[in-house]
Amino acid sequence: MGIKTVVDEEGVTISVIGSFDVSAYEEFKENCQKYLTDSNKFVIDLERATYMDSSALGMLLLLREKTRGDKSRVRLINVGDNVLNILEIAQFNQLFVIESKEPA
């Protein structure tokens, strides 16, 4: 499991590698807080995420809260089928812009 963060003129991209679970909490939270401004946009790249649990859903909700619920400021991209299923069951498609992973 790992978190990789890249900051550029487009905003902050946080890539999740492996399981997105409670073990990622501190690192994810620190990266979000470090780069949180009134206008920064966050892209959460889940291309290499293999699993997501309820703590990851909570982390995404906290980020949404910190960005004042502005749907344009947090995007989930490259979401694979397993993770997409979890997000859809939790109805996160109503809270976030979610872009599925392109089929190989």
C-alpha atoms as a PDB file:
ATOM      1  CA  MET A   1       0.000   0.000   0.000  1.00  0.00           C
ATOM      2  CA  GLY A   2       1.247   3.442  -0.779  1.00  0.00           C
ATOM      3  CA  ILE A   3       0.303   7.001  -1.575  1.00  0.00           C
ATOM      4  CA  LYS A   4       2.088   9.063  -4.208  1.00  0.00           C
ATOM      5  CA  THR A   5       1.348  12.783  -4.471  1.00  0.00           C
ATOM      6  CA  VAL A   6       2.127  15.109  -7.369  1.00  0.00           C
ATOM      7  CA  VAL A   7       1.384  18.825  -7.322  1.00  0.00           C
ATOM      8  CA  ASP A   8       1.279  20.896 -10.515  1.00  0.00           C
ATOM      9  CA  GLU A   9      -0.601  23.819 -12.019  1.00  0.00           C
ATOM     10  CA  GLU A  10      -3.700  21.624 -12.419  1.00  0.00           C
ATOM     11  CA  GLY A  11      -3.851  20.839  -8.702  1.00  0.00           C
ATOM     12  CA  VAL A  12      -2.995  17.891  -6.481  1.00  0.00           C
ATOM     13  CA  THR A  13      -2.974  14.299  -7.739  1.00  0.00           C
ATOM     14  CA  ILE A  14      -2.951  11.609  -5.076  1.00  0.00           C
ATOM     15  CA  SER A  15      -2.344   8.114  -6.436  1.00  0.00           C
ATOM     16  CA  VAL A  16      -3.324   5.147  -4.305  1.00  0.00           C
ATOM     17  CA  ILE A  17      -1.309   1.973  -4.762  1.00  0.00           C
ATOM     18  CA  GLY A  18      -2.660  -1.307  -3.370  1.00  0.00           C
ATOM     19  CA  SER A  19      -5.316  -1.378  -0.663  1.00  0.00           C
ATOM     20  CA  PHE A  20      -6.962   1.930   0.146  1.00  0.00           C
ATOM     21  CA  ASP A  21      -7.732   1.265   3.798  1.00  0.00           C
ATOM     22  CA  VAL A  22      -7.019   2.384   7.351  1.00  0.00           C
ATOM     23  CA  SER A  23      -3.267   1.889   6.820  1.00  0.00           C
ATOM     24  CA  ALA A  24      -3.349   4.826   4.366  1.00  0.00           C
ATOM     25  CA  TYR A  25      -5.214   7.165   6.722  1.00  0.00           C
ATOM     26  CA  GLU A  26      -2.355   9.242   8.133  1.00  0.00           C
ATOM     27  CA  GLU A  27      -0.491   9.637   4.846  1.00  0.00           C
ATOM     28  CA  PHE A  28      -3.643  10.494   2.894  1.00  0.00           C
ATOM     29  CA  LYS A  29      -4.793  12.988   5.550  1.00  0.00           C
ATOM     30  CA  GLU A  30      -1.368  14.643   5.733  1.00  0.00           C
ATOM     31  CA  ASN A  31      -1.202  15.073   1.956  1.00  0.00           C
ATOM     32  CA  CYS A  32      -4.698  16.523   1.806  1.00  0.00           C
ATOM     33  CA  GLN A  33      -4.025  18.974   4.632  1.00  0.00           C
ATOM     34  CA  LYS A  34      -0.616  19.959   3.280  1.00  0.00           C
ATOM     35  CA  TYR A  35      -2.018  21.035  -0.093  1.00  0.00           C
ATOM     36  CA  LEU A  36      -5.482  22.226   0.918  1.00  0.00           C
ATOM     37  CA  THR A  37      -6.177  25.799  -0.159  1.00  0.00           C
ATOM     38  CA  ASP A  38      -9.397  27.623  -0.953  1.00  0.00           C
ATOM     39  CA  SER A  39      -9.047  26.710  -4.614  1.00  0.00           C
ATOM     40  CA  ASN A  40      -6.825  23.631  -5.034  1.00  0.00           C
ATOM     41  CA  LYS A  41      -8.413  20.786  -6.932  1.00  0.00           C
ATOM     42  CA  PHE A  42      -7.735  17.176  -5.983  1.00  0.00           C
ATOM     43  CA  VAL A  43      -7.551  14.201  -8.303  1.00  0.00           C
ATOM     44  CA  ILE A  44      -7.573  10.830  -6.579  1.00  0.00           C
ATOM     45  CA  ASP A  45      -6.056   8.339  -9.025  1.00  0.00           C
ATOM     46  CA  LEU A  46      -7.283   4.847  -8.184  1.00  0.00           C
ATOM     47  CA  GLU A  47      -5.774   3.053 -11.187  1.00  0.00           C
ATOM     48  CA  ARG A  48      -3.506   0.942  -8.980  1.00  0.00           C
ATOM     49  CA  ALA A  49      -5.908   0.617  -6.053  1.00  0.00           C
ATOM     50  CA  THR A  50      -6.887  -3.017  -5.590  1.00  0.00           C
ATOM     51  CA  TYR A  51      -9.312  -2.629  -2.709  1.00  0.00           C
ATOM     52  CA  MET A  52     -11.159   0.041  -0.763  1.00  0.00           C
ATOM     53  CA  ASP A  53     -12.760  -0.249   2.658  1.00  0.00           C
ATOM     54  CA  SER A  54     -15.055   1.938   4.765  1.00  0.00           C
ATOM     55  CA  SER A  55     -12.136   3.923   6.197  1.00  0.00           C
ATOM     56  CA  ALA A  56     -11.187   4.955   2.646  1.00  0.00           C
ATOM     57  CA  LEU A  57     -14.758   6.074   2.051  1.00  0.00           C
ATOM     58  CA  GLY A  58     -14.469   8.118   5.232  1.00  0.00           C
ATOM     59  CA  MET A  59     -11.216   9.692   4.016  1.00  0.00           C
ATOM     60  CA  LEU A  60     -12.890  10.734   0.775  1.00  0.00           C
ATOM     61  CA  LEU A  61     -15.822  12.204   2.690  1.00  0.00           C
ATOM     62  CA  LEU A  62     -13.438  14.227   4.862  1.00  0.00           C
ATOM     63  CA  LEU A  63     -11.715  15.581   1.757  1.00  0.00           C
ATOM     64  CA  ARG A  64     -15.118  16.463   0.309  1.00  0.00           C
ATOM     65  CA  GLU A  65     -15.980  18.290   3.522  1.00  0.00           C
ATOM     66  CA  LYS A  66     -12.671  20.196   3.486  1.00  0.00           C
ATOM     67  CA  THR A  67     -13.379  21.327  -0.101  1.00  0.00           C
ATOM     68  CA  ARG A  68     -16.845  22.478   0.986  1.00  0.00           C
ATOM     69  CA  GLY A  69     -18.656  19.809  -1.016  1.00  0.00           C
ATOM     70  CA  ASP A  70     -17.590  21.391  -4.305  1.00  0.00           C
ATOM     71  CA  LYS A  71     -17.918  18.507  -6.770  1.00  0.00           C
ATOM     72  CA  SER A  72     -15.552  20.221  -9.207  1.00  0.00           C
ATOM     73  CA  ARG A  73     -12.696  20.166  -6.689  1.00  0.00           C
ATOM     74  CA  VAL A  74     -12.427  16.393  -6.106  1.00  0.00           C
ATOM     75  CA  ARG A  75     -12.354  13.839  -8.941  1.00  0.00           C
ATOM     76  CA  LEU A  76     -11.831  10.099  -8.667  1.00  0.00           C
ATOM     77  CA  ILE A  77     -10.152   8.803 -11.814  1.00  0.00           C
ATOM     78  CA  ASN A  78      -9.036   5.487 -13.324  1.00  0.00           C
ATOM     79  CA  VAL A  79     -11.437   3.605 -11.075  1.00  0.00           C
ATOM     80  CA  GLY A  80     -11.384  -0.149 -11.681  1.00  0.00           C
ATOM     81  CA  ASP A  81     -14.461  -2.366 -11.525  1.00  0.00           C
ATOM     82  CA  ASN A  82     -13.959  -3.652  -7.947  1.00  0.00           C
ATOM     83  CA  VAL A  83     -13.451  -0.198  -6.459  1.00  0.00           C
ATOM     84  CA  LEU A  84     -16.191   1.282  -8.672  1.00  0.00           C
ATOM     85  CA  ASN A  85     -18.636  -1.287  -7.316  1.00  0.00           C
ATOM     86  CA  ILE A  86     -17.842  -0.227  -3.741  1.00  0.00           C
ATOM     87  CA  LEU A  87     -18.238   3.461  -4.630  1.00  0.00           C
ATOM     88  CA  GLU A  88     -21.565   2.838  -6.356  1.00  0.00           C
ATOM     89  CA  ILE A  89     -22.952   0.785  -3.460  1.00  0.00           C
ATOM     90  CA  ALA A  90     -22.056   3.682  -1.147  1.00  0.00           C
ATOM     91  CA  GLN A  91     -23.679   6.062  -3.694  1.00  0.00           C
ATOM     92  CA  PHE A  92     -20.484   8.107  -3.956  1.00  0.00           C
ATOM     93  CA  ASN A  93     -21.338   8.753  -7.603  1.00  0.00           C
ATOM     94  CA  GLN A  94     -23.788  11.332  -6.219  1.00  0.00           C
ATOM     95  CA  LEU A  95     -21.018  13.075  -4.265  1.00  0.00           C
ATOM     96  CA  PHE A  96     -17.993  12.900  -6.561  1.00  0.00           C
ATOM     97  CA  VAL A  97     -17.050  12.994 -10.209  1.00  0.00           C
ATOM     98  CA  ILE A  98     -15.995   9.392 -10.890  1.00  0.00           C
ATOM     99  CA  GLU A  99     -14.179   8.346 -14.058  1.00  0.00           C
ATOM    100  CA  SER A 100     -13.854   4.638 -14.749  1.00  0.00           C
ATOM    101  CA  LYS A 101     -10.654   3.023 -15.890  1.00  0.00           C
ATOM    102  CA  GLU A 102     -10.461   2.564 -19.648  1.00  0.00           C
ATOM    103  CA  PRO A 103     -10.729  -1.118 -20.655  1.00  0.00           C
ATOM    104  CA  ALA A 104      -7.392  -2.663 -21.564  1.00  0.00           C
END
